[in-house]
Amino acid sequence: MARTMWDSSVGKKTVMAVSGVVMLLYLVAHMIGNLKIFFGAGEFNHYAHWLRTVGEPFMHYEWTLWLIRIVLVVAVVAHATSAYQLSRRDIKARPSKYVHKKPRASYATRTMRWGGTILGLFIVWHILDLTTGTVHSGGFQEGHPYQNVVDTFSTWYGDVIYIVAMLALGLHVRHGFWSAAQTLGVGSRTRDRALKITADVLALLLTAGFIAVPVGVMTGVVS
């Protein structure tokens, strides 16, 4: 049954929707955590340490954090794989391009594939920058996330990469939330307007919330 479900377009869209919801919940929590940087180095570093001790003593040090990471990796891989396979299936079904573009297609709809690619590349860069420190500027300091964030956003390219990615994220969330609602059967004539408003608000809050951090560093509010 699972194989049959996965092989169908409906199954792949359902996997995309569920994995998208999982990532959206993480993004909301991640954004809230990021905003703690405005309360100072002590508050932000304490929050980062707390993430590694969640569940103790039942869970060992960092076990909960690694469990979250594993769930996110599975969600990202499932989301990307189903999106790619659906895209290939769509191209195979319609090998020639439309003569006219759909007039009602929004900018976010037309750029979902590019947005997904940008976000995928950003995730790799973000991990190498602030988790492993491989591409970090200014000397990566283990256990000092506040200073690492300030270092990253003290460079013009760090700001550009992050802001462009967050703008792509906003467009992706706006369309993705709406699509997920339709796929999971939440949408209806009476709820469509509320769902569209929710998608817009979520996209705006996430984009503004994430971009607030590099802007805070650039303006000296966070230093």
C-alpha atoms as a PDB file:
ATOM      1  CA  MET A   1       0.000   0.000   0.000  1.00  0.00           C
ATOM      2  CA  ALA A   2       2.817   2.388   0.878  1.00  0.00           C
ATOM      3  CA  ARG A   3       4.527   1.708  -2.463  1.00  0.00           C
ATOM      4  CA  THR A   4       1.301   2.246  -4.382  1.00  0.00           C
ATOM      5  CA  MET A   5       0.674   5.475  -2.495  1.00  0.00           C
ATOM      6  CA  TRP A   6       4.189   6.767  -3.187  1.00  0.00           C
ATOM      7  CA  ASP A   7       4.017   5.914  -6.895  1.00  0.00           C
ATOM      8  CA  SER A   8       0.858   7.977  -7.349  1.00  0.00           C
ATOM      9  CA  SER A   9       0.868  11.734  -7.895  1.00  0.00           C
ATOM     10  CA  VAL A  10      -1.575  12.145  -5.019  1.00  0.00           C
ATOM     11  CA  GLY A  11       0.791  10.229  -2.729  1.00  0.00           C
ATOM     12  CA  LYS A  12       3.771  12.380  -3.691  1.00  0.00           C
ATOM     13  CA  LYS A  13       1.742  15.564  -3.168  1.00  0.00           C
ATOM     14  CA  THR A  14       0.680  14.281   0.254  1.00  0.00           C
ATOM     15  CA  VAL A  15       4.318  13.591   1.186  1.00  0.00           C
ATOM     16  CA  MET A  16       5.205  17.107   0.022  1.00  0.00           C
ATOM     17  CA  ALA A  17       2.384  18.595   2.101  1.00  0.00           C
ATOM     18  CA  VAL A  18       3.154  16.695   5.318  1.00  0.00           C
ATOM     19  CA  SER A  19       6.920  17.247   5.078  1.00  0.00           C
ATOM     20  CA  GLY A  20       6.253  20.914   4.304  1.00  0.00           C
ATOM     21  CA  VAL A  21       4.126  21.294   7.436  1.00  0.00           C
ATOM     22  CA  VAL A  22       6.887  19.682   9.524  1.00  0.00           C
ATOM     23  CA  MET A  23       9.447  22.139   8.144  1.00  0.00           C
ATOM     24  CA  LEU A  24       7.068  25.073   8.589  1.00  0.00           C
ATOM     25  CA  LEU A  25       6.610  24.270  12.290  1.00  0.00           C
ATOM     26  CA  TYR A  26      10.384  24.110  12.656  1.00  0.00           C
ATOM     27  CA  LEU A  27      10.811  27.441  10.864  1.00  0.00           C
ATOM     28  CA  VAL A  28       8.389  29.184  13.218  1.00  0.00           C
ATOM     29  CA  ALA A  29      10.247  27.819  16.269  1.00  0.00           C
ATOM     30  CA  HIS A  30      13.620  28.622  14.700  1.00  0.00           C
ATOM     31  CA  MET A  31      12.601  32.211  13.935  1.00  0.00           C
ATOM     32  CA  ILE A  32      11.398  32.766  17.506  1.00  0.00           C
ATOM     33  CA  GLY A  33      14.689  31.391  18.806  1.00  0.00           C
ATOM     34  CA  ASN A  34      16.692  33.611  16.448  1.00  0.00           C
ATOM     35  CA  LEU A  35      14.948  36.731  17.738  1.00  0.00           C
ATOM     36  CA  LYS A  36      16.422  36.065  21.179  1.00  0.00           C
ATOM     37  CA  ILE A  37      19.604  37.592  19.808  1.00  0.00           C
ATOM     38  CA  PHE A  38      18.063  41.025  20.429  1.00  0.00           C
ATOM     39  CA  PHE A  39      18.125  40.304  24.187  1.00  0.00           C
ATOM     40  CA  GLY A  40      21.907  40.060  24.271  1.00  0.00           C
ATOM     41  CA  ALA A  41      24.717  37.536  24.042  1.00  0.00           C
ATOM     42  CA  GLY A  42      23.935  35.875  27.378  1.00  0.00           C
ATOM     43  CA  GLU A  43      20.297  35.194  26.499  1.00  0.00           C
ATOM     44  CA  PHE A  44      21.110  33.917  22.996  1.00  0.00           C
ATOM     45  CA  ASN A  45      24.003  31.693  24.060  1.00  0.00           C
ATOM     46  CA  HIS A  46      21.934  30.287  26.930  1.00  0.00           C
ATOM     47  CA  TYR A  47      19.160  29.418  24.470  1.00  0.00           C
ATOM     48  CA  ALA A  48      21.659  27.645  22.201  1.00  0.00           C
ATOM     49  CA  HIS A  49      22.962  25.637  25.164  1.00  0.00           C
ATOM     50  CA  TRP A  50      19.401  24.793  26.265  1.00  0.00           C
ATOM     51  CA  LEU A  51      18.722  23.231  22.855  1.00  0.00           C
ATOM     52  CA  ARG A  52      21.459  20.709  23.590  1.00  0.00           C
ATOM     53  CA  THR A  53      20.132  19.793  27.038  1.00  0.00           C
ATOM     54  CA  VAL A  54      16.410  19.438  26.227  1.00  0.00           C
ATOM     55  CA  GLY A  55      15.042  16.232  27.749  1.00  0.00           C
ATOM     56  CA  GLU A  56      17.824  15.689  30.283  1.00  0.00           C
ATOM     57  CA  PRO A  57      18.318  13.558  32.263  1.00  0.00           C
ATOM     58  CA  PHE A  58      16.025  11.151  30.369  1.00  0.00           C
ATOM     59  CA  MET A  59      17.691  12.136  27.075  1.00  0.00           C
ATOM     60  CA  HIS A  60      21.482  12.315  26.881  1.00  0.00           C
ATOM     61  CA  TYR A  61      23.255  15.570  25.977  1.00  0.00           C
ATOM     62  CA  GLU A  62      22.288  16.637  22.398  1.00  0.00           C
ATOM     63  CA  TRP A  63      20.120  13.539  21.789  1.00  0.00           C
ATOM     64  CA  THR A  64      16.943  15.590  21.420  1.00  0.00           C
ATOM     65  CA  LEU A  65      18.725  18.037  19.121  1.00  0.00           C
ATOM     66  CA  TRP A  66      19.985  15.198  16.932  1.00  0.00           C
ATOM     67  CA  LEU A  67      16.507  13.663  16.864  1.00  0.00           C
ATOM     68  CA  ILE A  68      15.141  16.981  15.581  1.00  0.00           C
ATOM     69  CA  ARG A  69      17.921  17.129  12.989  1.00  0.00           C
ATOM     70  CA  ILE A  70      17.134  13.627  11.753  1.00  0.00           C
ATOM     71  CA  VAL A  71      13.423  14.422  11.422  1.00  0.00           C
ATOM     72  CA  LEU A  72      14.289  17.587   9.494  1.00  0.00           C
ATOM     73  CA  VAL A  73      16.680  15.774   7.160  1.00  0.00           C
ATOM     74  CA  VAL A  74      13.999  13.159   6.410  1.00  0.00           C
ATOM     75  CA  ALA A  75      11.449  15.930   5.807  1.00  0.00           C
ATOM     76  CA  VAL A  76      13.782  17.877   3.487  1.00  0.00           C
ATOM     77  CA  VAL A  77      14.762  14.778   1.488  1.00  0.00           C
ATOM     78  CA  ALA A  78      11.142  13.603   1.198  1.00  0.00           C
ATOM     79  CA  HIS A  79      10.004  17.098   0.179  1.00  0.00           C
ATOM     80  CA  ALA A  80      12.748  17.578  -2.408  1.00  0.00           C
ATOM     81  CA  THR A  81      12.418  14.064  -3.848  1.00  0.00           C
ATOM     82  CA  SER A  82       8.653  14.234  -4.258  1.00  0.00           C
ATOM     83  CA  ALA A  83       8.906  17.748  -5.736  1.00  0.00           C
ATOM     84  CA  TYR A  84      11.537  16.636  -8.260  1.00  0.00           C
ATOM     85  CA  GLN A  85       9.622  13.518  -9.285  1.00  0.00           C
ATOM     86  CA  LEU A  86       6.362  15.441  -9.653  1.00  0.00           C
ATOM     87  CA  SER A  87       8.165  18.033 -11.756  1.00  0.00           C
ATOM     88  CA  ARG A  88       9.647  15.360 -14.032  1.00  0.00           C
ATOM     89  CA  ARG A  89       6.261  13.680 -14.323  1.00  0.00           C
ATOM     90  CA  ASP A  90       4.654  17.004 -15.225  1.00  0.00           C
ATOM     91  CA  ILE A  91       7.289  17.724 -17.900  1.00  0.00           C
ATOM     92  CA  LYS A  92       6.916  14.229 -19.371  1.00  0.00           C
ATOM     93  CA  ALA A  93       3.145  14.620 -19.534  1.00  0.00           C
ATOM     94  CA  ARG A  94       3.460  17.999 -21.276  1.00  0.00           C
ATOM     95  CA  PRO A  95       6.792  18.010 -23.178  1.00  0.00           C
ATOM     96  CA  SER A  96       5.954  21.223 -25.046  1.00  0.00           C
ATOM     97  CA  LYS A  97       5.563  24.523 -23.252  1.00  0.00           C
ATOM     98  CA  TYR A  98       2.259  26.360 -23.164  1.00  0.00           C
ATOM     99  CA  VAL A  99       1.863  29.063 -25.796  1.00  0.00           C
ATOM    100  CA  HIS A 100       0.427  31.396 -23.165  1.00  0.00           C
ATOM    101  CA  LYS A 101       1.202  31.438 -19.457  1.00  0.00           C
ATOM    102  CA  LYS A 102      -1.638  31.029 -17.018  1.00  0.00           C
ATOM    103  CA  PRO A 103      -2.781  34.585 -16.274  1.00  0.00           C
ATOM    104  CA  ARG A 104      -3.695  33.804 -12.676  1.00  0.00           C
ATOM    105  CA  ALA A 105      -0.396  32.170 -11.764  1.00  0.00           C
ATOM    106  CA  SER A 106       1.270  34.211  -9.037  1.00  0.00           C
ATOM    107  CA  TYR A 107       4.955  35.083  -8.956  1.00  0.00           C
ATOM    108  CA  ALA A 108       5.431  32.622  -6.096  1.00  0.00           C
ATOM    109  CA  THR A 109       3.773  29.830  -8.114  1.00  0.00           C
ATOM    110  CA  ARG A 110       5.984  30.414 -11.138  1.00  0.00           C
ATOM    111  CA  THR A 111       9.164  30.456  -9.055  1.00  0.00           C
ATOM    112  CA  MET A 112       8.520  27.522  -6.699  1.00  0.00           C
ATOM    113  CA  ARG A 113      11.154  25.362  -8.388  1.00  0.00           C
ATOM    114  CA  TRP A 114      13.788  28.075  -8.406  1.00  0.00           C
ATOM    115  CA  GLY A 115      12.898  28.997  -4.843  1.00  0.00           C
ATOM    116  CA  GLY A 116      13.304  25.393  -3.734  1.00  0.00           C
ATOM    117  CA  THR A 117      16.728  25.203  -5.397  1.00  0.00           C
ATOM    118  CA  ILE A 118      17.853  28.454  -3.750  1.00  0.00           C
ATOM    119  CA  LEU A 119      16.683  27.226  -0.341  1.00  0.00           C
ATOM    120  CA  GLY A 120      18.407  23.864  -0.807  1.00  0.00           C
ATOM    121  CA  LEU A 121      21.727  25.556  -1.577  1.00  0.00           C
ATOM    122  CA  PHE A 122      21.213  27.978   1.319  1.00  0.00           C
ATOM    123  CA  ILE A 123      20.659  25.145   3.815  1.00  0.00           C
ATOM    124  CA  VAL A 124      24.037  23.657   2.835  1.00  0.00           C
ATOM    125  CA  TRP A 125      25.758  27.046   3.170  1.00  0.00           C
ATOM    126  CA  HIS A 126      23.996  27.831   6.462  1.00  0.00           C
ATOM    127  CA  ILE A 127      25.128  24.543   8.031  1.00  0.00           C
ATOM    128  CA  LEU A 128      28.717  25.017   6.809  1.00  0.00           C
ATOM    129  CA  ASP A 129      28.682  28.564   8.142  1.00  0.00           C
ATOM    130  CA  LEU A 130      27.033  28.439  11.578  1.00  0.00           C
ATOM    131  CA  THR A 131      27.027  24.727  12.513  1.00  0.00           C
ATOM    132  CA  THR A 132      30.359  23.313  11.338  1.00  0.00           C
ATOM    133  CA  GLY A 133      32.140  26.653  10.832  1.00  0.00           C
ATOM    134  CA  THR A 134      33.708  25.413   7.581  1.00  0.00           C
ATOM    135  CA  VAL A 135      32.996  28.577   5.575  1.00  0.00           C
ATOM    136  CA  HIS A 136      32.582  30.918   8.537  1.00  0.00           C
ATOM    137  CA  SER A 137      34.229  34.321   8.435  1.00  0.00           C
ATOM    138  CA  GLY A 138      36.090  35.870  11.369  1.00  0.00           C
ATOM    139  CA  GLY A 139      37.049  32.608  13.065  1.00  0.00           C
ATOM    140  CA  PHE A 140      34.342  30.199  14.191  1.00  0.00           C
ATOM    141  CA  GLN A 141      33.945  29.986  17.978  1.00  0.00           C
ATOM    142  CA  GLU A 142      32.445  26.737  19.243  1.00  0.00           C
ATOM    143  CA  GLY A 143      29.869  27.423  21.944  1.00  0.00           C
ATOM    144  CA  HIS A 144      29.589  31.133  21.098  1.00  0.00           C
ATOM    145  CA  PRO A 145      26.676  31.321  18.612  1.00  0.00           C
ATOM    146  CA  TYR A 146      26.028  35.016  19.309  1.00  0.00           C
ATOM    147  CA  GLN A 147      29.482  36.044  18.137  1.00  0.00           C
ATOM    148  CA  ASN A 148      29.320  33.643  15.185  1.00  0.00           C
ATOM    149  CA  VAL A 149      26.056  35.210  14.002  1.00  0.00           C
ATOM    150  CA  VAL A 150      27.484  38.726  14.357  1.00  0.00           C
ATOM    151  CA  ASP A 151      30.579  37.672  12.386  1.00  0.00           C
ATOM    152  CA  THR A 152      28.464  36.246   9.555  1.00  0.00           C
ATOM    153  CA  PHE A 153      26.273  39.313   9.195  1.00  0.00           C
ATOM    154  CA  SER A 154      29.221  41.670   9.436  1.00  0.00           C
ATOM    155  CA  THR A 155      30.111  40.661   5.865  1.00  0.00           C
ATOM    156  CA  TRP A 156      28.221  41.982   2.822  1.00  0.00           C
ATOM    157  CA  TYR A 157      28.028  38.547   1.189  1.00  0.00           C
ATOM    158  CA  GLY A 158      26.685  36.943   4.360  1.00  0.00           C
ATOM    159  CA  ASP A 159      23.869  39.507   4.405  1.00  0.00           C
ATOM    160  CA  VAL A 160      23.103  39.127   0.691  1.00  0.00           C
ATOM    161  CA  ILE A 161      23.004  35.320   0.778  1.00  0.00           C
ATOM    162  CA  TYR A 162      20.775  35.259   3.843  1.00  0.00           C
ATOM    163  CA  ILE A 163      18.338  37.975   2.751  1.00  0.00           C
ATOM    164  CA  VAL A 164      17.910  36.553  -0.760  1.00  0.00           C
ATOM    165  CA  ALA A 165      17.266  33.112   0.727  1.00  0.00           C
ATOM    166  CA  MET A 166      14.705  34.488   3.191  1.00  0.00           C
ATOM    167  CA  LEU A 167      12.855  36.313   0.413  1.00  0.00           C
ATOM    168  CA  ALA A 168      12.734  33.033  -1.502  1.00  0.00           C
ATOM    169  CA  LEU A 169      11.515  31.346   1.683  1.00  0.00           C
ATOM    170  CA  GLY A 170       8.658  33.824   2.012  1.00  0.00           C
ATOM    171  CA  LEU A 171       7.447  33.136  -1.523  1.00  0.00           C
ATOM    172  CA  HIS A 172       7.854  29.401  -1.010  1.00  0.00           C
ATOM    173  CA  VAL A 173       5.874  29.396   2.244  1.00  0.00           C
ATOM    174  CA  ARG A 174       3.126  31.591   0.788  1.00  0.00           C
ATOM    175  CA  HIS A 175       2.397  29.216  -2.065  1.00  0.00           C
ATOM    176  CA  GLY A 176       3.393  26.032  -0.228  1.00  0.00           C
ATOM    177  CA  PHE A 177       1.011  26.593   2.688  1.00  0.00           C
ATOM    178  CA  TRP A 178      -1.892  27.099   0.300  1.00  0.00           C
ATOM    179  CA  SER A 179      -0.968  24.017  -1.762  1.00  0.00           C
ATOM    180  CA  ALA A 180      -0.559  21.852   1.347  1.00  0.00           C
ATOM    181  CA  ALA A 181      -3.985  22.903   2.613  1.00  0.00           C
ATOM    182  CA  GLN A 182      -5.580  21.898  -0.684  1.00  0.00           C
ATOM    183  CA  THR A 183      -3.697  18.578  -0.820  1.00  0.00           C
ATOM    184  CA  LEU A 184      -4.650  17.637   2.749  1.00  0.00           C
ATOM    185  CA  GLY A 185      -8.286  18.509   2.149  1.00  0.00           C
ATOM    186  CA  VAL A 186      -8.367  21.487   4.497  1.00  0.00           C
ATOM    187  CA  GLY A 187      -9.405  23.960   1.838  1.00  0.00           C
ATOM    188  CA  SER A 188     -13.009  24.720   0.970  1.00  0.00           C
ATOM    189  CA  ARG A 189     -15.036  27.597  -0.450  1.00  0.00           C
ATOM    190  CA  THR A 190     -15.764  28.928   3.027  1.00  0.00           C
ATOM    191  CA  ARG A 191     -12.155  28.600   4.239  1.00  0.00           C
ATOM    192  CA  ASP A 192     -10.211  29.604   1.125  1.00  0.00           C
ATOM    193  CA  ARG A 193     -10.052  33.308   1.994  1.00  0.00           C
ATOM    194  CA  ALA A 194      -8.904  32.596   5.560  1.00  0.00           C
ATOM    195  CA  LEU A 195      -6.257  30.160   4.290  1.00  0.00           C
ATOM    196  CA  LYS A 196      -4.923  32.688   1.794  1.00  0.00           C
ATOM    197  CA  ILE A 197      -4.710  35.360   4.490  1.00  0.00           C
ATOM    198  CA  THR A 198      -2.968  32.894   6.829  1.00  0.00           C
ATOM    199  CA  ALA A 199      -0.473  32.001   4.084  1.00  0.00           C
ATOM    200  CA  ASP A 200       0.286  35.691   3.446  1.00  0.00           C
ATOM    201  CA  VAL A 201       0.671  36.479   7.158  1.00  0.00           C
ATOM    202  CA  LEU A 202       2.892  33.447   7.792  1.00  0.00           C
ATOM    203  CA  ALA A 203       5.123  34.276   4.831  1.00  0.00           C
ATOM    204  CA  LEU A 204       5.404  37.916   5.888  1.00  0.00           C
ATOM    205  CA  LEU A 205       6.143  37.151   9.554  1.00  0.00           C
ATOM    206  CA  LEU A 206       8.754  34.507   8.753  1.00  0.00           C
ATOM    207  CA  THR A 207      10.499  36.670   6.171  1.00  0.00           C
ATOM    208  CA  ALA A 208      10.519  39.749   8.416  1.00  0.00           C
ATOM    209  CA  GLY A 209      11.482  37.744  11.502  1.00  0.00           C
ATOM    210  CA  PHE A 210      14.481  36.085   9.871  1.00  0.00           C
ATOM    211  CA  ILE A 211      15.676  39.195   8.020  1.00  0.00           C
ATOM    212  CA  ALA A 212      15.469  41.213  11.253  1.00  0.00           C
ATOM    213  CA  VAL A 213      18.649  39.493  12.510  1.00  0.00           C
ATOM    214  CA  PRO A 214      21.064  40.567   9.719  1.00  0.00           C
ATOM    215  CA  VAL A 215      19.407  44.005   9.662  1.00  0.00           C
ATOM    216  CA  GLY A 216      19.983  44.235  13.427  1.00  0.00           C
ATOM    217  CA  VAL A 217      23.682  43.505  12.956  1.00  0.00           C
ATOM    218  CA  MET A 218      24.028  45.870   9.985  1.00  0.00           C
ATOM    219  CA  THR A 219      22.421  48.742  11.909  1.00  0.00           C
ATOM    220  CA  GLY A 220      24.423  48.111  15.080  1.00  0.00           C
ATOM    221  CA  VAL A 221      21.408  47.128  17.188  1.00  0.00           C
ATOM    222  CA  VAL A 222      23.085  43.729  17.577  1.00  0.00           C
ATOM    223  CA  SER A 223      26.837  44.012  18.055  1.00  0.00           C
END
